[in-house]
């Protein structure tokens, strides 16, 4: 499993934030993103068991909209998605977690998933493209606190512990 930690400054954007947005709630917001069968639900469940306080979490956010819209050539406004991400990041203590695996591993998991209708299975090439689109969004999104976790070697407990530790660093854990 590989872990990459990303952080950036929001200098210059603070002046645009309304004063009541400056006081961020203490409740952590964890956003889990990634393609189907990347481990979002599994890791989220384990994180929820590990942390001693409540958190608000989302499986799928604007990254899913971005990546799948790009993959299937659907009309969307990427600038609007980035604006939504920026407002979310300025309003809450957000940790963005992108879970990925190799296209071959995702294909293997997809074929073993009894809940996924075979009509919606993606090809290996589509999975390569989809991962590329998730990486593009992840790189460009204004979220400042990001983790990218490769679940290909699959240790969901280790991934959950990394998220818990990152929450502590952010003052949410």
N, C-alpha and C. Protein backbone atom coordinates (compact mmCIF):
# COMPACT_ATOMS: atom_id res chain seq x y z
N UNK A 1 0.85 -1.17 0.00
CA UNK A 1 0.00 0.00 0.00
C UNK A 1 0.90 1.23 0.00
N UNK A 2 0.58 2.22 -0.83
CA UNK A 2 1.33 3.46 -0.83
C UNK A 2 0.41 4.57 -0.37
N UNK A 3 0.98 5.49 0.39
CA UNK A 3 0.24 6.62 0.93
C UNK A 3 0.93 7.89 0.46
N UNK A 4 0.19 8.82 -0.08
CA UNK A 4 0.73 10.11 -0.45
C UNK A 4 -0.08 11.17 0.28
N UNK A 5 0.62 12.10 0.93
CA UNK A 5 -0.02 13.16 1.68
C UNK A 5 0.18 14.47 0.91
N UNK A 6 -0.90 15.20 0.72
CA UNK A 6 -0.84 16.46 0.01
C UNK A 6 -1.37 17.55 0.91
N UNK A 7 -0.76 18.71 0.86
CA UNK A 7 -1.24 19.85 1.62
C UNK A 7 -0.84 21.10 0.86
N UNK A 8 -1.70 22.09 0.87
CA UNK A 8 -1.36 23.34 0.21
C UNK A 8 -1.95 24.49 1.01
N UNK A 9 -1.52 25.68 0.69
CA UNK A 9 -1.98 26.87 1.39
C UNK A 9 -3.17 27.49 0.69
N UNK A 10 -4.06 28.07 1.45
CA UNK A 10 -5.21 28.76 0.87
C UNK A 10 -4.97 30.27 0.89
N UNK A 11 -3.70 30.68 0.98
CA UNK A 11 -3.38 32.10 1.02
C UNK A 11 -3.99 32.79 -0.19
N UNK A 12 -4.56 33.93 0.05
CA UNK A 12 -5.17 34.68 -1.03
C UNK A 12 -6.65 34.41 -1.18
N UNK A 13 -7.13 33.28 -0.71
CA UNK A 13 -8.56 33.00 -0.83
C UNK A 13 -9.31 33.38 0.44
N UNK A 14 -8.63 33.54 1.54
CA UNK A 14 -9.27 33.85 2.82
C UNK A 14 -10.04 35.17 2.77
N UNK A 15 -9.53 36.14 2.04
CA UNK A 15 -10.19 37.44 1.98
C UNK A 15 -11.57 37.33 1.34
N UNK A 16 -11.77 36.31 0.54
CA UNK A 16 -13.05 36.14 -0.14
C UNK A 16 -14.08 35.39 0.72
N UNK A 17 -13.63 34.83 1.82
CA UNK A 17 -14.50 34.01 2.66
C UNK A 17 -15.32 34.90 3.58
N UNK A 18 -16.60 34.59 3.67
CA UNK A 18 -17.46 35.35 4.56
C UNK A 18 -17.02 35.11 6.00
N UNK A 19 -17.14 36.12 6.89
CA UNK A 19 -16.64 36.01 8.26
C UNK A 19 -17.15 34.79 9.03
N UNK A 20 -18.42 34.42 8.88
CA UNK A 20 -18.93 33.28 9.66
C UNK A 20 -18.32 31.96 9.18
N UNK A 21 -17.68 31.93 8.03
CA UNK A 21 -17.04 30.71 7.55
C UNK A 21 -15.67 30.52 8.17
N UNK A 22 -15.15 31.56 8.83
CA UNK A 22 -13.82 31.46 9.42
C UNK A 22 -13.78 30.50 10.61
N UNK A 23 -14.90 30.33 11.30
CA UNK A 23 -14.95 29.42 12.44
C UNK A 23 -15.40 28.06 11.95
N UNK A 24 -14.44 27.18 11.74
CA UNK A 24 -14.76 25.86 11.22
C UNK A 24 -15.30 24.96 12.34
N UNK A 25 -16.35 24.21 12.06
CA UNK A 25 -16.86 23.27 13.06
C UNK A 25 -15.79 22.24 13.40
N UNK A 26 -15.84 21.73 14.61
CA UNK A 26 -14.87 20.72 15.03
C UNK A 26 -15.15 19.35 14.45
N UNK A 27 -16.38 19.13 14.01
CA UNK A 27 -16.74 17.84 13.44
C UNK A 27 -15.97 17.61 12.15
N UNK A 28 -15.16 16.55 12.08
CA UNK A 28 -14.41 16.32 10.84
C UNK A 28 -15.31 15.82 9.72
N UNK A 29 -14.97 16.23 8.53
CA UNK A 29 -15.65 15.76 7.33
C UNK A 29 -14.63 14.95 6.53
N UNK A 30 -14.95 13.71 6.28
CA UNK A 30 -14.07 12.85 5.49
C UNK A 30 -14.79 12.54 4.19
N UNK A 31 -14.11 12.84 3.09
CA UNK A 31 -14.67 12.55 1.77
C UNK A 31 -13.86 11.41 1.17
N UNK A 32 -14.55 10.31 0.87
CA UNK A 32 -13.93 9.15 0.25
C UNK A 32 -14.25 9.17 -1.24
N UNK A 33 -13.25 9.20 -2.06
CA UNK A 33 -13.42 9.21 -3.51
C UNK A 33 -12.63 8.07 -4.12
N UNK A 34 -13.00 7.72 -5.33
CA UNK A 34 -12.30 6.70 -6.08
C UNK A 34 -13.26 5.90 -6.92
N UNK A 35 -12.71 5.12 -7.83
CA UNK A 35 -13.57 4.32 -8.69
C UNK A 35 -14.31 3.23 -7.92
N UNK A 36 -15.29 2.65 -8.57
CA UNK A 36 -16.03 1.52 -8.00
C UNK A 36 -15.04 0.43 -7.63
N UNK A 37 -15.24 -0.20 -6.47
CA UNK A 37 -14.42 -1.30 -5.97
C UNK A 37 -13.00 -0.89 -5.56
N UNK A 38 -12.83 0.38 -5.21
CA UNK A 38 -11.52 0.83 -4.72
C UNK A 38 -11.41 0.71 -3.21
N UNK A 39 -12.52 0.41 -2.51
CA UNK A 39 -12.48 0.18 -1.07
C UNK A 39 -13.10 1.27 -0.23
N UNK A 40 -13.84 2.18 -0.82
CA UNK A 40 -14.40 3.30 -0.07
C UNK A 40 -15.27 2.86 1.10
N UNK A 41 -16.22 1.98 0.85
CA UNK A 41 -17.14 1.54 1.90
C UNK A 41 -16.42 0.77 2.99
N UNK A 42 -15.52 -0.11 2.60
CA UNK A 42 -14.77 -0.91 3.58
C UNK A 42 -13.93 -0.03 4.49
N UNK A 43 -13.16 0.87 3.89
CA UNK A 43 -12.29 1.75 4.68
C UNK A 43 -13.13 2.68 5.55
N UNK A 44 -14.19 3.22 5.01
CA UNK A 44 -15.06 4.11 5.78
C UNK A 44 -15.61 3.39 7.03
N UNK A 45 -16.06 2.17 6.85
CA UNK A 45 -16.61 1.40 7.98
C UNK A 45 -15.55 1.22 9.07
N UNK A 46 -14.34 0.90 8.69
CA UNK A 46 -13.27 0.68 9.67
C UNK A 46 -12.89 1.99 10.36
N UNK A 47 -12.79 3.07 9.59
CA UNK A 47 -12.49 4.38 10.19
C UNK A 47 -13.55 4.75 11.21
N UNK A 48 -14.81 4.54 10.87
CA UNK A 48 -15.90 4.86 11.80
C UNK A 48 -15.79 4.07 13.10
N UNK A 49 -15.28 2.84 13.02
CA UNK A 49 -15.09 2.03 14.22
C UNK A 49 -13.89 2.52 15.03
N UNK A 50 -12.88 3.10 14.36
CA UNK A 50 -11.64 3.51 15.03
C UNK A 50 -11.72 4.85 15.74
N UNK A 51 -12.46 5.78 15.18
CA UNK A 51 -12.46 7.12 15.78
C UNK A 51 -13.48 7.18 16.91
N UNK A 52 -13.11 7.92 17.94
CA UNK A 52 -13.89 7.94 19.17
C UNK A 52 -15.01 8.98 19.15
N UNK A 53 -15.09 9.77 18.12
CA UNK A 53 -16.11 10.82 18.06
C UNK A 53 -16.85 10.71 16.73
N UNK A 54 -17.91 11.48 16.64
CA UNK A 54 -18.67 11.46 15.40
C UNK A 54 -17.91 12.16 14.29
N UNK A 55 -18.20 11.76 13.10
CA UNK A 55 -17.67 12.46 11.93
C UNK A 55 -18.75 12.43 10.86
N UNK A 56 -18.61 13.31 9.94
CA UNK A 56 -19.49 13.34 8.79
C UNK A 56 -18.66 12.83 7.63
N UNK A 57 -19.18 11.86 6.91
CA UNK A 57 -18.40 11.33 5.79
C UNK A 57 -19.27 11.14 4.57
N UNK A 58 -18.62 11.26 3.43
CA UNK A 58 -19.27 11.10 2.15
C UNK A 58 -18.50 10.08 1.33
N UNK A 59 -19.22 9.16 0.73
CA UNK A 59 -18.63 8.29 -0.27
C UNK A 59 -19.08 8.87 -1.60
N UNK A 60 -18.17 9.45 -2.29
CA UNK A 60 -18.39 10.10 -3.57
C UNK A 60 -18.70 11.58 -3.34
N UNK A 61 -18.04 12.38 -4.12
CA UNK A 61 -18.19 13.82 -4.05
C UNK A 61 -18.04 14.34 -5.47
N UNK A 62 -17.48 15.51 -5.64
CA UNK A 62 -17.37 16.08 -6.98
C UNK A 62 -16.38 15.33 -7.85
N UNK A 63 -15.43 14.64 -7.26
CA UNK A 63 -14.46 13.86 -8.04
C UNK A 63 -15.13 12.78 -8.86
N UNK A 64 -16.13 12.14 -8.29
CA UNK A 64 -16.87 11.12 -9.02
C UNK A 64 -17.60 11.74 -10.20
N UNK A 65 -18.24 12.87 -9.96
CA UNK A 65 -18.94 13.56 -11.04
C UNK A 65 -17.96 13.93 -12.16
N UNK A 66 -16.82 14.47 -11.75
CA UNK A 66 -15.80 14.87 -12.72
C UNK A 66 -15.29 13.67 -13.52
N UNK A 67 -14.84 12.62 -12.83
CA UNK A 67 -14.21 11.48 -13.49
C UNK A 67 -15.17 10.73 -14.42
N UNK A 68 -16.36 10.45 -13.92
CA UNK A 68 -17.31 9.70 -14.76
C UNK A 68 -17.87 10.56 -15.89
N UNK A 69 -18.02 11.87 -15.67
CA UNK A 69 -18.45 12.75 -16.76
C UNK A 69 -17.40 12.80 -17.86
N UNK A 70 -16.14 12.86 -17.47
CA UNK A 70 -15.05 12.83 -18.46
C UNK A 70 -15.04 11.49 -19.20
N UNK A 71 -15.18 10.40 -18.46
CA UNK A 71 -15.13 9.07 -19.06
C UNK A 71 -16.24 8.87 -20.08
N UNK A 72 -17.44 9.29 -19.74
CA UNK A 72 -18.60 9.05 -20.61
C UNK A 72 -18.99 10.28 -21.43
N UNK A 73 -18.09 11.26 -21.47
CA UNK A 73 -18.28 12.46 -22.30
C UNK A 73 -19.61 13.15 -22.01
N UNK A 74 -19.90 13.32 -20.72
CA UNK A 74 -21.12 14.02 -20.29
C UNK A 74 -20.80 15.49 -20.08
N UNK A 75 -21.76 16.32 -20.31
CA UNK A 75 -21.59 17.75 -20.14
C UNK A 75 -21.55 18.09 -18.64
N UNK A 76 -20.57 18.91 -18.25
CA UNK A 76 -20.49 19.38 -16.88
C UNK A 76 -19.57 20.60 -16.85
N UNK A 77 -19.58 21.32 -15.73
CA UNK A 77 -18.76 22.52 -15.58
C UNK A 77 -17.70 22.26 -14.51
N UNK A 78 -16.45 21.96 -14.92
CA UNK A 78 -15.40 21.67 -13.94
C UNK A 78 -15.13 22.84 -13.00
N UNK A 79 -15.28 24.07 -13.48
CA UNK A 79 -15.06 25.23 -12.61
C UNK A 79 -16.08 25.28 -11.48
N UNK A 80 -17.31 24.88 -11.78
CA UNK A 80 -18.34 24.85 -10.74
C UNK A 80 -17.99 23.79 -9.68
N UNK A 81 -17.48 22.64 -10.12
CA UNK A 81 -17.09 21.60 -9.16
C UNK A 81 -15.95 22.10 -8.26
N UNK A 82 -14.99 22.80 -8.84
CA UNK A 82 -13.87 23.33 -8.06
C UNK A 82 -14.36 24.40 -7.07
N UNK A 83 -15.35 25.20 -7.48
CA UNK A 83 -15.93 26.19 -6.58
C UNK A 83 -16.60 25.50 -5.39
N UNK A 84 -17.34 24.44 -5.66
CA UNK A 84 -18.00 23.67 -4.59
C UNK A 84 -16.96 23.11 -3.64
N UNK A 85 -15.90 22.53 -4.19
CA UNK A 85 -14.83 21.98 -3.35
C UNK A 85 -14.20 23.06 -2.49
N UNK A 86 -13.92 24.22 -3.08
CA UNK A 86 -13.31 25.31 -2.33
C UNK A 86 -14.18 25.79 -1.19
N UNK A 87 -15.47 25.93 -1.45
CA UNK A 87 -16.39 26.36 -0.38
C UNK A 87 -16.47 25.32 0.72
N UNK A 88 -16.51 24.06 0.33
CA UNK A 88 -16.56 22.98 1.33
C UNK A 88 -15.30 23.01 2.20
N UNK A 89 -14.15 23.19 1.56
CA UNK A 89 -12.89 23.19 2.29
C UNK A 89 -12.77 24.40 3.23
N UNK A 90 -13.28 25.53 2.81
CA UNK A 90 -13.22 26.72 3.67
C UNK A 90 -14.21 26.66 4.81
N UNK A 91 -15.28 25.89 4.64
CA UNK A 91 -16.35 25.86 5.63
C UNK A 91 -16.12 24.79 6.70
N UNK A 92 -15.54 23.67 6.32
CA UNK A 92 -15.39 22.53 7.23
C UNK A 92 -13.94 22.07 7.30
N UNK A 93 -13.66 21.27 8.30
CA UNK A 93 -12.36 20.60 8.41
C UNK A 93 -12.48 19.32 7.58
N UNK A 94 -11.97 19.38 6.38
CA UNK A 94 -12.15 18.29 5.42
C UNK A 94 -10.85 17.53 5.22
N UNK A 95 -10.98 16.22 5.21
CA UNK A 95 -9.90 15.35 4.76
C UNK A 95 -10.43 14.61 3.54
N UNK A 96 -9.77 14.84 2.41
CA UNK A 96 -10.13 14.18 1.17
C UNK A 96 -9.27 12.92 1.03
N UNK A 97 -9.92 11.78 0.86
CA UNK A 97 -9.22 10.51 0.72
C UNK A 97 -9.56 9.92 -0.65
N UNK A 98 -8.54 9.81 -1.50
CA UNK A 98 -8.71 9.18 -2.80
C UNK A 98 -8.17 7.76 -2.71
N UNK A 99 -9.06 6.79 -2.89
CA UNK A 99 -8.68 5.38 -2.86
C UNK A 99 -8.59 4.87 -4.29
N UNK A 100 -7.46 4.26 -4.62
CA UNK A 100 -7.22 3.77 -5.97
C UNK A 100 -6.59 2.38 -5.92
N UNK A 101 -6.60 1.72 -7.04
CA UNK A 101 -5.90 0.44 -7.22
C UNK A 101 -5.56 0.37 -8.70
N UNK A 102 -4.76 -0.59 -9.07
CA UNK A 102 -4.41 -0.74 -10.48
C UNK A 102 -5.66 -1.12 -11.27
N UNK A 103 -5.68 -0.79 -12.56
CA UNK A 103 -6.83 -1.18 -13.38
C UNK A 103 -7.08 -2.69 -13.34
N UNK A 104 -6.01 -3.49 -13.34
CA UNK A 104 -6.19 -4.95 -13.29
C UNK A 104 -6.85 -5.38 -11.98
N UNK A 105 -6.44 -4.76 -10.88
CA UNK A 105 -7.03 -5.09 -9.58
C UNK A 105 -8.49 -4.65 -9.52
N UNK A 106 -8.78 -3.46 -10.05
CA UNK A 106 -10.17 -2.99 -10.07
C UNK A 106 -11.04 -3.88 -10.94
N UNK A 107 -10.49 -4.33 -12.06
CA UNK A 107 -11.21 -5.23 -12.96
C UNK A 107 -11.51 -6.56 -12.26
N UNK A 108 -10.51 -7.06 -11.55
CA UNK A 108 -10.69 -8.31 -10.78
C UNK A 108 -11.78 -8.15 -9.73
N UNK A 109 -11.75 -7.06 -8.98
CA UNK A 109 -12.75 -6.81 -7.94
C UNK A 109 -14.14 -6.61 -8.57
N UNK A 110 -14.17 -5.90 -9.68
CA UNK A 110 -15.44 -5.66 -10.38
C UNK A 110 -16.08 -6.99 -10.78
N UNK A 111 -15.30 -7.89 -11.31
CA UNK A 111 -15.83 -9.17 -11.77
C UNK A 111 -16.26 -10.08 -10.62
N UNK A 112 -15.76 -9.82 -9.42
CA UNK A 112 -16.13 -10.62 -8.25
C UNK A 112 -17.26 -9.97 -7.44
N UNK A 113 -17.68 -8.76 -7.81
CA UNK A 113 -18.67 -8.01 -7.05
C UNK A 113 -20.08 -8.45 -7.44
N UNK A 114 -20.78 -9.19 -6.57
CA UNK A 114 -22.12 -9.67 -6.92
C UNK A 114 -23.16 -8.55 -6.95
N UNK A 115 -22.85 -7.41 -6.34
CA UNK A 115 -23.80 -6.30 -6.28
C UNK A 115 -23.74 -5.42 -7.54
N UNK A 116 -22.70 -5.56 -8.32
CA UNK A 116 -22.52 -4.70 -9.50
C UNK A 116 -23.09 -5.39 -10.74
N UNK A 117 -24.08 -4.76 -11.31
CA UNK A 117 -24.73 -5.28 -12.52
C UNK A 117 -23.70 -5.39 -13.64
N UNK A 118 -23.54 -6.57 -14.24
CA UNK A 118 -22.54 -6.75 -15.31
C UNK A 118 -22.71 -5.78 -16.48
N UNK A 119 -23.90 -5.25 -16.68
CA UNK A 119 -24.10 -4.27 -17.75
C UNK A 119 -23.30 -3.00 -17.51
N UNK A 120 -22.90 -2.77 -16.25
CA UNK A 120 -22.17 -1.56 -15.91
C UNK A 120 -20.68 -1.81 -15.68
N UNK A 121 -20.21 -3.00 -16.00
CA UNK A 121 -18.78 -3.28 -15.86
C UNK A 121 -17.99 -2.43 -16.85
N UNK A 122 -16.85 -1.95 -16.40
CA UNK A 122 -15.97 -1.17 -17.25
C UNK A 122 -14.87 -2.06 -17.80
N UNK A 123 -14.35 -1.68 -18.95
CA UNK A 123 -13.20 -2.41 -19.52
C UNK A 123 -11.93 -1.93 -18.83
N UNK A 124 -10.85 -2.66 -19.05
CA UNK A 124 -9.58 -2.25 -18.46
C UNK A 124 -9.17 -0.87 -18.98
N UNK A 125 -9.37 -0.62 -20.26
CA UNK A 125 -9.03 0.70 -20.83
C UNK A 125 -9.87 1.79 -20.18
N UNK A 126 -11.16 1.54 -19.97
CA UNK A 126 -12.00 2.53 -19.31
C UNK A 126 -11.53 2.78 -17.88
N UNK A 127 -11.08 1.73 -17.20
CA UNK A 127 -10.56 1.90 -15.84
C UNK A 127 -9.27 2.72 -15.83
N UNK A 128 -8.41 2.51 -16.82
CA UNK A 128 -7.19 3.32 -16.95
C UNK A 128 -7.57 4.79 -17.11
N UNK A 129 -8.51 5.05 -18.01
CA UNK A 129 -8.95 6.43 -18.24
C UNK A 129 -9.62 7.01 -16.99
N UNK A 130 -10.46 6.22 -16.35
CA UNK A 130 -11.15 6.68 -15.15
C UNK A 130 -10.16 7.07 -14.05
N UNK A 131 -9.16 6.24 -13.82
CA UNK A 131 -8.13 6.57 -12.83
C UNK A 131 -7.43 7.87 -13.20
N UNK A 132 -7.12 8.03 -14.47
CA UNK A 132 -6.48 9.26 -14.94
C UNK A 132 -7.35 10.48 -14.61
N UNK A 133 -8.65 10.37 -14.84
CA UNK A 133 -9.56 11.49 -14.56
C UNK A 133 -9.66 11.76 -13.06
N UNK A 134 -9.66 10.71 -12.24
CA UNK A 134 -9.65 10.94 -10.78
C UNK A 134 -8.37 11.65 -10.37
N UNK A 135 -7.22 11.24 -10.93
CA UNK A 135 -5.95 11.89 -10.61
C UNK A 135 -5.96 13.36 -11.03
N UNK A 136 -6.52 13.64 -12.21
CA UNK A 136 -6.60 15.04 -12.67
C UNK A 136 -7.40 15.87 -11.68
N UNK A 137 -8.56 15.37 -11.28
CA UNK A 137 -9.40 16.11 -10.33
C UNK A 137 -8.68 16.27 -8.99
N UNK A 138 -8.08 15.18 -8.51
CA UNK A 138 -7.40 15.20 -7.22
C UNK A 138 -6.27 16.23 -7.21
N UNK A 139 -5.57 16.35 -8.31
CA UNK A 139 -4.48 17.32 -8.42
C UNK A 139 -5.01 18.75 -8.43
N UNK A 140 -6.13 18.97 -9.11
CA UNK A 140 -6.65 20.33 -9.29
C UNK A 140 -7.59 20.81 -8.20
N UNK A 141 -8.20 19.91 -7.46
CA UNK A 141 -9.18 20.34 -6.47
C UNK A 141 -8.53 21.22 -5.41
N UNK A 142 -9.24 22.25 -4.94
CA UNK A 142 -8.65 23.14 -3.93
C UNK A 142 -8.62 22.58 -2.51
N UNK A 143 -9.10 21.36 -2.30
CA UNK A 143 -8.98 20.79 -0.95
C UNK A 143 -7.51 20.81 -0.54
N UNK A 144 -7.25 21.24 0.69
CA UNK A 144 -5.86 21.35 1.16
C UNK A 144 -5.35 20.10 1.83
N UNK A 145 -6.24 19.32 2.42
CA UNK A 145 -5.81 18.13 3.17
C UNK A 145 -6.25 16.89 2.41
N UNK A 146 -5.26 16.23 1.82
CA UNK A 146 -5.55 15.11 0.93
C UNK A 146 -4.67 13.92 1.24
N UNK A 147 -5.26 12.75 1.08
CA UNK A 147 -4.52 11.49 1.14
C UNK A 147 -4.87 10.69 -0.11
N UNK A 148 -3.88 10.13 -0.74
CA UNK A 148 -4.14 9.18 -1.82
C UNK A 148 -3.61 7.84 -1.34
N UNK A 149 -4.48 6.84 -1.32
CA UNK A 149 -4.12 5.53 -0.80
C UNK A 149 -4.35 4.49 -1.88
N UNK A 150 -3.29 3.75 -2.19
CA UNK A 150 -3.40 2.65 -3.16
C UNK A 150 -3.82 1.40 -2.40
N UNK A 151 -5.02 0.92 -2.69
CA UNK A 151 -5.56 -0.25 -2.00
C UNK A 151 -5.27 -1.54 -2.76
N UNK A 152 -4.39 -1.48 -3.75
CA UNK A 152 -4.10 -2.66 -4.57
C UNK A 152 -3.54 -3.82 -3.78
N UNK A 153 -2.65 -3.55 -2.84
CA UNK A 153 -2.11 -4.63 -2.00
C UNK A 153 -3.03 -4.92 -0.84
N UNK A 154 -4.00 -4.13 -0.67
CA UNK A 154 -5.15 -4.23 0.22
C UNK A 154 -4.88 -4.59 1.67
N UNK A 155 -4.81 -3.55 2.44
CA UNK A 155 -4.78 -3.65 3.89
C UNK A 155 -5.73 -2.57 4.41
N UNK A 156 -7.03 -2.83 4.39
CA UNK A 156 -7.99 -1.78 4.76
C UNK A 156 -7.79 -1.24 6.18
N UNK A 157 -7.34 -2.09 7.09
CA UNK A 157 -7.10 -1.62 8.47
C UNK A 157 -5.95 -0.62 8.50
N UNK A 158 -4.92 -0.89 7.71
CA UNK A 158 -3.78 0.04 7.66
C UNK A 158 -4.22 1.37 7.03
N UNK A 159 -5.02 1.31 5.98
CA UNK A 159 -5.53 2.52 5.36
C UNK A 159 -6.36 3.32 6.36
N UNK A 160 -7.20 2.65 7.12
CA UNK A 160 -8.04 3.31 8.12
C UNK A 160 -7.18 3.96 9.21
N UNK A 161 -6.12 3.27 9.63
CA UNK A 161 -5.22 3.85 10.65
C UNK A 161 -4.52 5.10 10.12
N UNK A 162 -4.14 5.09 8.85
CA UNK A 162 -3.51 6.26 8.25
C UNK A 162 -4.48 7.44 8.24
N UNK A 163 -5.73 7.18 7.96
CA UNK A 163 -6.74 8.24 7.96
C UNK A 163 -6.93 8.77 9.38
N UNK A 164 -7.01 7.86 10.33
CA UNK A 164 -7.17 8.28 11.74
C UNK A 164 -6.00 9.14 12.18
N UNK A 165 -4.78 8.76 11.82
CA UNK A 165 -3.59 9.54 12.18
C UNK A 165 -3.60 10.90 11.51
N UNK A 166 -4.03 10.93 10.27
CA UNK A 166 -4.09 12.22 9.55
C UNK A 166 -5.12 13.14 10.20
N UNK A 167 -6.23 12.57 10.67
CA UNK A 167 -7.23 13.38 11.38
C UNK A 167 -6.64 13.99 12.64
N UNK A 168 -5.80 13.25 13.35
CA UNK A 168 -5.15 13.78 14.55
C UNK A 168 -4.26 14.97 14.21
N UNK A 169 -3.51 14.85 13.12
CA UNK A 169 -2.64 15.93 12.69
C UNK A 169 -3.46 17.18 12.36
N UNK A 170 -4.64 16.97 11.81
CA UNK A 170 -5.51 18.10 11.45
C UNK A 170 -6.27 18.64 12.65
N UNK A 171 -6.13 17.99 13.79
CA UNK A 171 -6.85 18.44 14.97
C UNK A 171 -8.26 17.92 15.04
N UNK A 172 -8.54 16.86 14.31
CA UNK A 172 -9.89 16.29 14.28
C UNK A 172 -9.97 14.94 14.98
N UNK A 173 -8.87 14.43 15.50
CA UNK A 173 -8.90 13.05 15.95
C UNK A 173 -8.79 12.85 17.40
